[in-house]
Amino acid sequence: LLVERYGFCGGNAVAGMSGTICGMYLSSERRSNRPEQVVFGFTERFRQAMQEAGGITEPQRYGKTWTVTHDPLVWREVADSFLEEAGVHV
């Protein structure tokens, strides 16, 4: 059982307070570098599901970091599907 304050999962990423996923890629001052992903595990599984659902962009440079822009509605749907697969009741 999961009690969600707003009736949907995803927190600020879904409520419109954040439109990017940060911290998955190694930062670099060199503009020519391609993104190097350094975070995997659950984060990668979620990123892959978001990509398959058409809910994220390719990594985009933002200063010294790389970010991925996401669609909040797709995030919500993917999060809900993960919870449903795990047998969680929201």
PDB file of N, CA and C in Angstrom:
ATOM      1  N   LEU A   1       0.855  -1.179   0.000  1.00  0.00           N
ATOM      2  CA  LEU A   1       0.000   0.000   0.000  1.00  0.00           C
ATOM      3  C   LEU A   1       0.891   1.229   0.000  1.00  0.00           C
ATOM      4  N   LEU A   2       0.621   2.149  -0.886  1.00  0.00           N
ATOM      5  CA  LEU A   2       1.345   3.412  -0.964  1.00  0.00           C
ATOM      6  C   LEU A   2       0.321   4.528  -0.900  1.00  0.00           C
ATOM      7  N   VAL A   3       0.475   5.413   0.059  1.00  0.00           N
ATOM      8  CA  VAL A   3      -0.417   6.563   0.184  1.00  0.00           C
ATOM      9  C   VAL A   3       0.285   7.748  -0.463  1.00  0.00           C
ATOM     10  N   GLU A   4      -0.338   8.312  -1.472  1.00  0.00           N
ATOM     11  CA  GLU A   4       0.244   9.430  -2.214  1.00  0.00           C
ATOM     12  C   GLU A   4      -0.580  10.677  -1.964  1.00  0.00           C
ATOM     13  N   ARG A   5       0.060  11.702  -1.508  1.00  0.00           N
ATOM     14  CA  ARG A   5      -0.624  12.942  -1.126  1.00  0.00           C
ATOM     15  C   ARG A   5      -1.484  13.523  -2.249  1.00  0.00           C
ATOM     16  N   TYR A   6      -0.956  13.517  -3.467  1.00  0.00           N
ATOM     17  CA  TYR A   6      -1.669  14.171  -4.566  1.00  0.00           C
ATOM     18  C   TYR A   6      -2.396  13.203  -5.495  1.00  0.00           C
ATOM     19  N   GLY A   7      -2.371  11.925  -5.172  1.00  0.00           N
ATOM     20  CA  GLY A   7      -3.116  10.963  -5.974  1.00  0.00           C
ATOM     21  C   GLY A   7      -2.397  10.487  -7.223  1.00  0.00           C
ATOM     22  N   PHE A   8      -1.148  10.892  -7.403  1.00  0.00           N
ATOM     23  CA  PHE A   8      -0.351  10.404  -8.525  1.00  0.00           C
ATOM     24  C   PHE A   8       1.095  10.294  -8.072  1.00  0.00           C
ATOM     25  N   CYS A   9       1.821   9.413  -8.705  1.00  0.00           N
ATOM     26  CA  CYS A   9       3.224   9.215  -8.336  1.00  0.00           C
ATOM     27  C   CYS A   9       4.119  10.069  -9.222  1.00  0.00           C
ATOM     28  N   GLY A  10       5.260  10.432  -8.693  1.00  0.00           N
ATOM     29  CA  GLY A  10       6.223  11.195  -9.472  1.00  0.00           C
ATOM     30  C   GLY A  10       6.652  12.486  -8.825  1.00  0.00           C
ATOM     31  N   GLY A  11       5.931  12.913  -7.794  1.00  0.00           N
ATOM     32  CA  GLY A  11       6.319  14.120  -7.062  1.00  0.00           C
ATOM     33  C   GLY A  11       6.450  15.345  -7.941  1.00  0.00           C
ATOM     34  N   ASN A  12       7.495  16.138  -7.689  1.00  0.00           N
ATOM     35  CA  ASN A  12       7.693  17.382  -8.430  1.00  0.00           C
ATOM     36  C   ASN A  12       7.929  17.163  -9.914  1.00  0.00           C
ATOM     37  N   ALA A  13       8.473  16.008 -10.289  1.00  0.00           N
ATOM     38  CA  ALA A  13       8.716  15.730 -11.699  1.00  0.00           C
ATOM     39  C   ALA A  13       7.414  15.668 -12.485  1.00  0.00           C
ATOM     40  N   VAL A  14       6.341  15.273 -11.837  1.00  0.00           N
ATOM     41  CA  VAL A  14       5.040  15.168 -12.494  1.00  0.00           C
ATOM     42  C   VAL A  14       4.188  16.407 -12.247  1.00  0.00           C
ATOM     43  N   ALA A  15       4.360  17.020 -11.097  1.00  0.00           N
ATOM     44  CA  ALA A  15       3.552  18.193 -10.739  1.00  0.00           C
ATOM     45  C   ALA A  15       3.989  19.449 -11.487  1.00  0.00           C
ATOM     46  N   GLY A  16       5.021  19.345 -12.316  1.00  0.00           N
ATOM     47  CA  GLY A  16       5.441  20.481 -13.123  1.00  0.00           C
ATOM     48  C   GLY A  16       6.533  21.323 -12.503  1.00  0.00           C
ATOM     49  N   MET A  17       7.099  20.869 -11.384  1.00  0.00           N
ATOM     50  CA  MET A  17       8.141  21.644 -10.723  1.00  0.00           C
ATOM     51  C   MET A  17       9.527  21.338 -11.299  1.00  0.00           C
ATOM     52  N   SER A  18       9.644  20.264 -12.039  1.00  0.00           N
ATOM     53  CA  SER A  18      10.925  19.881 -12.632  1.00  0.00           C
ATOM     54  C   SER A  18      10.644  19.221 -13.967  1.00  0.00           C
ATOM     55  N   GLY A  19      11.360  19.624 -14.987  1.00  0.00           N
ATOM     56  CA  GLY A  19      11.146  19.039 -16.305  1.00  0.00           C
ATOM     57  C   GLY A  19      12.344  18.277 -16.817  1.00  0.00           C
ATOM     58  N   THR A  20      13.338  18.086 -15.947  1.00  0.00           N
ATOM     59  CA  THR A  20      14.547  17.404 -16.392  1.00  0.00           C
ATOM     60  C   THR A  20      14.976  16.335 -15.400  1.00  0.00           C
ATOM     61  N   ILE A  21      15.747  15.399 -15.916  1.00  0.00           N
ATOM     62  CA  ILE A  21      16.399  14.385 -15.100  1.00  0.00           C
ATOM     63  C   ILE A  21      17.885  14.704 -15.155  1.00  0.00           C
ATOM     64  N   CYS A  22      18.476  14.960 -14.016  1.00  0.00           N
ATOM     65  CA  CYS A  22      19.895  15.324 -13.947  1.00  0.00           C
ATOM     66  C   CYS A  22      20.659  14.300 -13.122  1.00  0.00           C
ATOM     67  N   GLY A  23      21.961  14.267 -13.297  1.00  0.00           N
ATOM     68  CA  GLY A  23      22.819  13.450 -12.455  1.00  0.00           C
ATOM     69  C   GLY A  23      23.138  12.069 -12.981  1.00  0.00           C
ATOM     70  N   MET A  24      22.664  11.724 -14.175  1.00  0.00           N
ATOM     71  CA  MET A  24      22.938  10.402 -14.728  1.00  0.00           C
ATOM     72  C   MET A  24      24.234  10.359 -15.523  1.00  0.00           C
ATOM     73  N   TYR A  25      24.751  11.526 -15.888  1.00  0.00           N
ATOM     74  CA  TYR A  25      25.891  11.596 -16.791  1.00  0.00           C
ATOM     75  C   TYR A  25      27.050  12.341 -16.148  1.00  0.00           C
ATOM     76  N   LEU A  26      28.255  11.943 -16.508  1.00  0.00           N
ATOM     77  CA  LEU A  26      29.471  12.567 -16.008  1.00  0.00           C
ATOM     78  C   LEU A  26      29.566  13.992 -16.539  1.00  0.00           C
ATOM     79  N   SER A  27      29.854  14.936 -15.666  1.00  0.00           N
ATOM     80  CA  SER A  27      29.995  16.323 -16.111  1.00  0.00           C
ATOM     81  C   SER A  27      31.370  16.528 -16.734  1.00  0.00           C
ATOM     82  N   SER A  28      31.463  17.537 -17.590  1.00  0.00           N
ATOM     83  CA  SER A  28      32.721  17.810 -18.270  1.00  0.00           C
ATOM     84  C   SER A  28      32.749  19.249 -18.740  1.00  0.00           C
ATOM     85  N   GLU A  29      33.918  19.843 -18.670  1.00  0.00           N
ATOM     86  CA  GLU A  29      34.087  21.198 -19.188  1.00  0.00           C
ATOM     87  C   GLU A  29      34.325  21.188 -20.688  1.00  0.00           C
ATOM     88  N   ARG A  30      34.697  20.053 -21.237  1.00  0.00           N
ATOM     89  CA  ARG A  30      34.993  19.961 -22.671  1.00  0.00           C
ATOM     90  C   ARG A  30      33.698  19.873 -23.459  1.00  0.00           C
ATOM     91  N   ARG A  31      33.459  20.850 -24.288  1.00  0.00           N
ATOM     92  CA  ARG A  31      32.212  20.922 -25.064  1.00  0.00           C
ATOM     93  C   ARG A  31      32.100  19.792 -26.086  1.00  0.00           C
ATOM     94  N   SER A  32      33.225  19.248 -26.498  1.00  0.00           N
ATOM     95  CA  SER A  32      33.192  18.217 -27.534  1.00  0.00           C
ATOM     96  C   SER A  32      32.840  16.837 -26.982  1.00  0.00           C
ATOM     97  N   ASN A  33      32.886  16.677 -25.672  1.00  0.00           N
ATOM     98  CA  ASN A  33      32.587  15.369 -25.075  1.00  0.00           C
ATOM     99  C   ASN A  33      31.136  14.968 -25.302  1.00  0.00           C
ATOM    100  N   ARG A  34      30.953  13.678 -25.518  1.00  0.00           N
ATOM    101  CA  ARG A  34      29.605  13.112 -25.576  1.00  0.00           C
ATOM    102  C   ARG A  34      29.233  12.703 -24.161  1.00  0.00           C
ATOM    103  N   PRO A  35      27.944  12.609 -23.872  1.00  0.00           N
ATOM    104  CA  PRO A  35      27.555  12.242 -22.509  1.00  0.00           C
ATOM    105  C   PRO A  35      28.028  10.832 -22.154  1.00  0.00           C
ATOM    106  N   GLU A  36      28.551  10.691 -20.956  1.00  0.00           N
ATOM    107  CA  GLU A  36      28.964   9.387 -20.452  1.00  0.00           C
ATOM    108  C   GLU A  36      28.091   9.047 -19.251  1.00  0.00           C
ATOM    109  N   GLN A  37      27.208   8.080 -19.437  1.00  0.00           N
ATOM    110  CA  GLN A  37      26.297   7.710 -18.358  1.00  0.00           C
ATOM    111  C   GLN A  37      27.064   6.989 -17.261  1.00  0.00           C
ATOM    112  N   VAL A  38      26.827   7.405 -16.007  1.00  0.00           N
ATOM    113  CA  VAL A  38      27.524   6.816 -14.860  1.00  0.00           C
ATOM    114  C   VAL A  38      26.563   6.291 -13.791  1.00  0.00           C
ATOM    115  N   VAL A  39      25.273   6.510 -13.958  1.00  0.00           N
ATOM    116  CA  VAL A  39      24.270   6.024 -13.007  1.00  0.00           C
ATOM    117  C   VAL A  39      23.393   5.009 -13.737  1.00  0.00           C
ATOM    118  N   PHE A  40      23.209   3.843 -13.129  1.00  0.00           N
ATOM    119  CA  PHE A  40      22.448   2.777 -13.775  1.00  0.00           C
ATOM    120  C   PHE A  40      21.416   2.222 -12.791  1.00  0.00           C
ATOM    121  N   GLY A  41      21.277   0.916 -12.672  1.00  0.00           N
ATOM    122  CA  GLY A  41      20.330   0.320 -11.731  1.00  0.00           C
ATOM    123  C   GLY A  41      18.894   0.703 -12.046  1.00  0.00           C
ATOM    124  N   PHE A  42      18.132   0.997 -10.993  1.00  0.00           N
ATOM    125  CA  PHE A  42      16.727   1.363 -11.168  1.00  0.00           C
ATOM    126  C   PHE A  42      16.581   2.592 -12.057  1.00  0.00           C
ATOM    127  N   THR A  43      17.475   3.556 -11.887  1.00  0.00           N
ATOM    128  CA  THR A  43      17.411   4.781 -12.689  1.00  0.00           C
ATOM    129  C   THR A  43      17.476   4.457 -14.170  1.00  0.00           C
ATOM    130  N   GLU A  44      18.333   3.541 -14.560  1.00  0.00           N
ATOM    131  CA  GLU A  44      18.449   3.160 -15.964  1.00  0.00           C
ATOM    132  C   GLU A  44      17.202   2.416 -16.434  1.00  0.00           C
ATOM    133  N   ARG A  45      16.667   1.543 -15.598  1.00  0.00           N
ATOM    134  CA  ARG A  45      15.425   0.844 -15.973  1.00  0.00           C
ATOM    135  C   ARG A  45      14.304   1.845 -16.217  1.00  0.00           C
ATOM    136  N   PHE A  46      14.204   2.847 -15.343  1.00  0.00           N
ATOM    137  CA  PHE A  46      13.159   3.857 -15.489  1.00  0.00           C
ATOM    138  C   PHE A  46      13.414   4.705 -16.729  1.00  0.00           C
ATOM    139  N   ARG A  47      14.665   5.080 -16.974  1.00  0.00           N
ATOM    140  CA  ARG A  47      15.012   5.871 -18.159  1.00  0.00           C
ATOM    141  C   ARG A  47      14.661   5.106 -19.433  1.00  0.00           C
ATOM    142  N   GLN A  48      14.983   3.813 -19.462  1.00  0.00           N
ATOM    143  CA  GLN A  48      14.668   2.997 -20.634  1.00  0.00           C
ATOM    144  C   GLN A  48      13.161   2.926 -20.874  1.00  0.00           C
ATOM    145  N   ALA A  49      12.398   2.730 -19.816  1.00  0.00           N
ATOM    146  CA  ALA A  49      10.939   2.677 -19.950  1.00  0.00           C
ATOM    147  C   ALA A  49      10.393   4.016 -20.440  1.00  0.00           C
ATOM    148  N   MET A  50      10.952   5.108 -19.928  1.00  0.00           N
ATOM    149  CA  MET A  50      10.531   6.439 -20.391  1.00  0.00           C
ATOM    150  C   MET A  50      10.863   6.617 -21.869  1.00  0.00           C
ATOM    151  N   GLN A  51      12.035   6.152 -22.285  1.00  0.00           N
ATOM    152  CA  GLN A  51      12.438   6.272 -23.680  1.00  0.00           C
ATOM    153  C   GLN A  51      11.521   5.446 -24.575  1.00  0.00           C
ATOM    154  N   GLU A  52      11.225   4.222 -24.166  1.00  0.00           N
ATOM    155  CA  GLU A  52      10.338   3.355 -24.945  1.00  0.00           C
ATOM    156  C   GLU A  52       8.948   3.957 -25.088  1.00  0.00           C
ATOM    157  N   ALA A  53       8.512   4.717 -24.087  1.00  0.00           N
ATOM    158  CA  ALA A  53       7.190   5.354 -24.123  1.00  0.00           C
ATOM    159  C   ALA A  53       7.223   6.709 -24.831  1.00  0.00           C
ATOM    160  N   GLY A  54       8.395   7.114 -25.311  1.00  0.00           N
ATOM    161  CA  GLY A  54       8.511   8.398 -26.004  1.00  0.00           C
ATOM    162  C   GLY A  54       8.446   9.590 -25.070  1.00  0.00           C
ATOM    163  N   GLY A  55       8.855   9.388 -23.810  1.00  0.00           N
ATOM    164  CA  GLY A  55       8.688  10.438 -22.812  1.00  0.00           C
ATOM    165  C   GLY A  55       9.925  11.216 -22.431  1.00  0.00           C
ATOM    166  N   ILE A  56      11.069  10.974 -23.099  1.00  0.00           N
ATOM    167  CA  ILE A  56      12.274  11.738 -22.780  1.00  0.00           C
ATOM    168  C   ILE A  56      13.031  12.091 -24.054  1.00  0.00           C
ATOM    169  N   THR A  57      13.887  13.093 -23.919  1.00  0.00           N
ATOM    170  CA  THR A  57      14.764  13.481 -25.019  1.00  0.00           C
ATOM    171  C   THR A  57      16.102  12.772 -24.869  1.00  0.00           C
ATOM    172  N   GLU A  58      16.937  12.933 -25.855  1.00  0.00           N
ATOM    173  CA  GLU A  58      18.333  12.523 -25.729  1.00  0.00           C
ATOM    174  C   GLU A  58      19.002  13.483 -24.747  1.00  0.00           C
ATOM    175  N   PRO A  59      20.135  13.097 -24.159  1.00  0.00           N
ATOM    176  CA  PRO A  59      20.833  14.003 -23.244  1.00  0.00           C
ATOM    177  C   PRO A  59      21.192  15.320 -23.932  1.00  0.00           C
ATOM    178  N   GLN A  60      21.000  16.406 -23.203  1.00  0.00           N
ATOM    179  CA  GLN A  60      21.293  17.744 -23.711  1.00  0.00           C
ATOM    180  C   GLN A  60      22.280  18.412 -22.766  1.00  0.00           C
ATOM    181  N   ARG A  61      23.268  19.090 -23.339  1.00  0.00           N
ATOM    182  CA  ARG A  61      24.252  19.777 -22.506  1.00  0.00           C
ATOM    183  C   ARG A  61      23.597  20.985 -21.849  1.00  0.00           C
ATOM    184  N   TYR A  62      23.891  21.146 -20.558  1.00  0.00           N
ATOM    185  CA  TYR A  62      23.433  22.303 -19.790  1.00  0.00           C
ATOM    186  C   TYR A  62      24.602  22.729 -18.916  1.00  0.00           C
ATOM    187  N   GLY A  63      25.353  23.716 -19.366  1.00  0.00           N
ATOM    188  CA  GLY A  63      26.573  24.101 -18.658  1.00  0.00           C
ATOM    189  C   GLY A  63      27.589  22.981 -18.738  1.00  0.00           C
ATOM    190  N   LYS A  64      28.053  22.507 -17.600  1.00  0.00           N
ATOM    191  CA  LYS A  64      29.024  21.413 -17.544  1.00  0.00           C
ATOM    192  C   LYS A  64      28.346  20.056 -17.402  1.00  0.00           C
ATOM    193  N   THR A  65      27.046  20.043 -17.321  1.00  0.00           N
ATOM    194  CA  THR A  65      26.320  18.800 -17.075  1.00  0.00           C
ATOM    195  C   THR A  65      25.475  18.416 -18.280  1.00  0.00           C
ATOM    196  N   TRP A  66      24.874  17.259 -18.187  1.00  0.00           N
ATOM    197  CA  TRP A  66      23.937  16.766 -19.194  1.00  0.00           C
ATOM    198  C   TRP A  66      22.601  16.531 -18.508  1.00  0.00           C
ATOM    199  N   THR A  67      21.536  16.922 -19.153  1.00  0.00           N
ATOM    200  CA  THR A  67      20.201  16.684 -18.618  1.00  0.00           C
ATOM    201  C   THR A  67      19.346  15.990 -19.667  1.00  0.00           C
ATOM    202  N   VAL A  68      18.273  15.401 -19.217  1.00  0.00           N
ATOM    203  CA  VAL A  68      17.292  14.765 -20.092  1.00  0.00           C
ATOM    204  C   VAL A  68      15.950  15.408 -19.767  1.00  0.00           C
ATOM    205  N   THR A  69      15.303  15.965 -20.779  1.00  0.00           N
ATOM    206  CA  THR A  69      13.986  16.570 -20.587  1.00  0.00           C
ATOM    207  C   THR A  69      12.926  15.471 -20.684  1.00  0.00           C
ATOM    208  N   HIS A  70      11.918  15.553 -19.816  1.00  0.00           N
ATOM    209  CA  HIS A  70      10.895  14.501 -19.810  1.00  0.00           C
ATOM    210  C   HIS A  70       9.493  15.096 -19.909  1.00  0.00           C
ATOM    211  N   ASP A  71       8.572  14.248 -20.336  1.00  0.00           N
ATOM    212  CA  ASP A  71       7.152  14.581 -20.394  1.00  0.00           C
ATOM    213  C   ASP A  71       6.533  14.132 -19.069  1.00  0.00           C
ATOM    214  N   PRO A  72       5.987  15.057 -18.269  1.00  0.00           N
ATOM    215  CA  PRO A  72       5.451  14.691 -16.956  1.00  0.00           C
ATOM    216  C   PRO A  72       4.336  13.644 -17.005  1.00  0.00           C
ATOM    217  N   LEU A  73       3.510  13.682 -18.032  1.00  0.00           N
ATOM    218  CA  LEU A  73       2.420  12.704 -18.105  1.00  0.00           C
ATOM    219  C   LEU A  73       2.943  11.301 -18.385  1.00  0.00           C
ATOM    220  N   VAL A  74       3.963  11.218 -19.237  1.00  0.00           N
ATOM    221  CA  VAL A  74       4.565   9.907 -19.500  1.00  0.00           C
ATOM    222  C   VAL A  74       5.266   9.405 -18.242  1.00  0.00           C
ATOM    223  N   TRP A  75       5.928  10.309 -17.513  1.00  0.00           N
ATOM    224  CA  TRP A  75       6.582   9.924 -16.245  1.00  0.00           C
ATOM    225  C   TRP A  75       5.547   9.282 -15.322  1.00  0.00           C
ATOM    226  N   ARG A  76       4.399   9.926 -15.208  1.00  0.00           N
ATOM    227  CA  ARG A  76       3.328   9.423 -14.333  1.00  0.00           C
ATOM    228  C   ARG A  76       2.880   8.034 -14.769  1.00  0.00           C
ATOM    229  N   GLU A  77       2.671   7.862 -16.069  1.00  0.00           N
ATOM    230  CA  GLU A  77       2.222   6.570 -16.584  1.00  0.00           C
ATOM    231  C   GLU A  77       3.261   5.481 -16.348  1.00  0.00           C
ATOM    232  N   VAL A  78       4.524   5.808 -16.589  1.00  0.00           N
ATOM    233  CA  VAL A  78       5.595   4.826 -16.390  1.00  0.00           C
ATOM    234  C   VAL A  78       5.731   4.481 -14.909  1.00  0.00           C
ATOM    235  N   ALA A  79       5.701   5.487 -14.044  1.00  0.00           N
ATOM    236  CA  ALA A  79       5.790   5.239 -12.596  1.00  0.00           C
ATOM    237  C   ALA A  79       4.629   4.365 -12.134  1.00  0.00           C
ATOM    238  N   ASP A  80       3.433   4.677 -12.606  1.00  0.00           N
ATOM    239  CA  ASP A  80       2.264   3.873 -12.236  1.00  0.00           C
ATOM    240  C   ASP A  80       2.417   2.427 -12.710  1.00  0.00           C
ATOM    241  N   SER A  81       2.958   2.235 -13.920  1.00  0.00           N
ATOM    242  CA  SER A  81       3.121   0.869 -14.430  1.00  0.00           C
ATOM    243  C   SER A  81       4.158   0.091 -13.612  1.00  0.00           C
ATOM    244  N   PHE A  82       5.233   0.763 -13.179  1.00  0.00           N
ATOM    245  CA  PHE A  82       6.227   0.104 -12.327  1.00  0.00           C
ATOM    246  C   PHE A  82       5.580  -0.347 -11.016  1.00  0.00           C
ATOM    247  N   LEU A  83       4.788   0.527 -10.428  1.00  0.00           N
ATOM    248  CA  LEU A  83       4.134   0.188  -9.163  1.00  0.00           C
ATOM    249  C   LEU A  83       3.131  -0.945  -9.347  1.00  0.00           C
ATOM    250  N   GLU A  84       2.368  -0.884 -10.427  1.00  0.00           N
ATOM    251  CA  GLU A  84       1.384  -1.935 -10.700  1.00  0.00           C
ATOM    252  C   GLU A  84       2.074  -3.286 -10.881  1.00  0.00           C
ATOM    253  N   GLU A  85       3.180  -3.295 -11.633  1.00  0.00           N
ATOM    254  CA  GLU A  85       3.934  -4.537 -11.840  1.00  0.00           C
ATOM    255  C   GLU A  85       4.456  -5.103 -10.523  1.00  0.00           C
ATOM    256  N   ALA A  86       4.746  -4.225  -9.567  1.00  0.00           N
ATOM    257  CA  ALA A  86       5.257  -4.652  -8.260  1.00  0.00           C
ATOM    258  C   ALA A  86       4.137  -5.018  -7.293  1.00  0.00           C
ATOM    259  N   GLY A  87       2.880  -4.868  -7.725  1.00  0.00           N
ATOM    260  CA  GLY A  87       1.748  -5.216  -6.874  1.00  0.00           C
ATOM    261  C   GLY A  87       1.401  -4.170  -5.838  1.00  0.00           C
ATOM    262  N   VAL A  88       1.831  -2.937  -6.071  1.00  0.00           N
ATOM    263  CA  VAL A  88       1.563  -1.849  -5.125  1.00  0.00           C
ATOM    264  C   VAL A  88       0.193  -1.254  -5.417  1.00  0.00           C
ATOM    265  N   HIS A  89      -0.569  -0.996  -4.369  1.00  0.00           N
ATOM    266  CA  HIS A  89      -1.862  -0.327  -4.502  1.00  0.00           C
ATOM    267  C   HIS A  89      -1.703   1.103  -4.014  1.00  0.00           C
ATOM    268  N   VAL A  90      -2.025   2.059  -4.896  1.00  0.00           N
ATOM    269  CA  VAL A  90      -1.887   3.481  -4.544  1.00  0.00           C
ATOM    270  C   VAL A  90      -3.227   3.997  -4.073  1.00  0.00           C
TER     271      VAL A  90
END
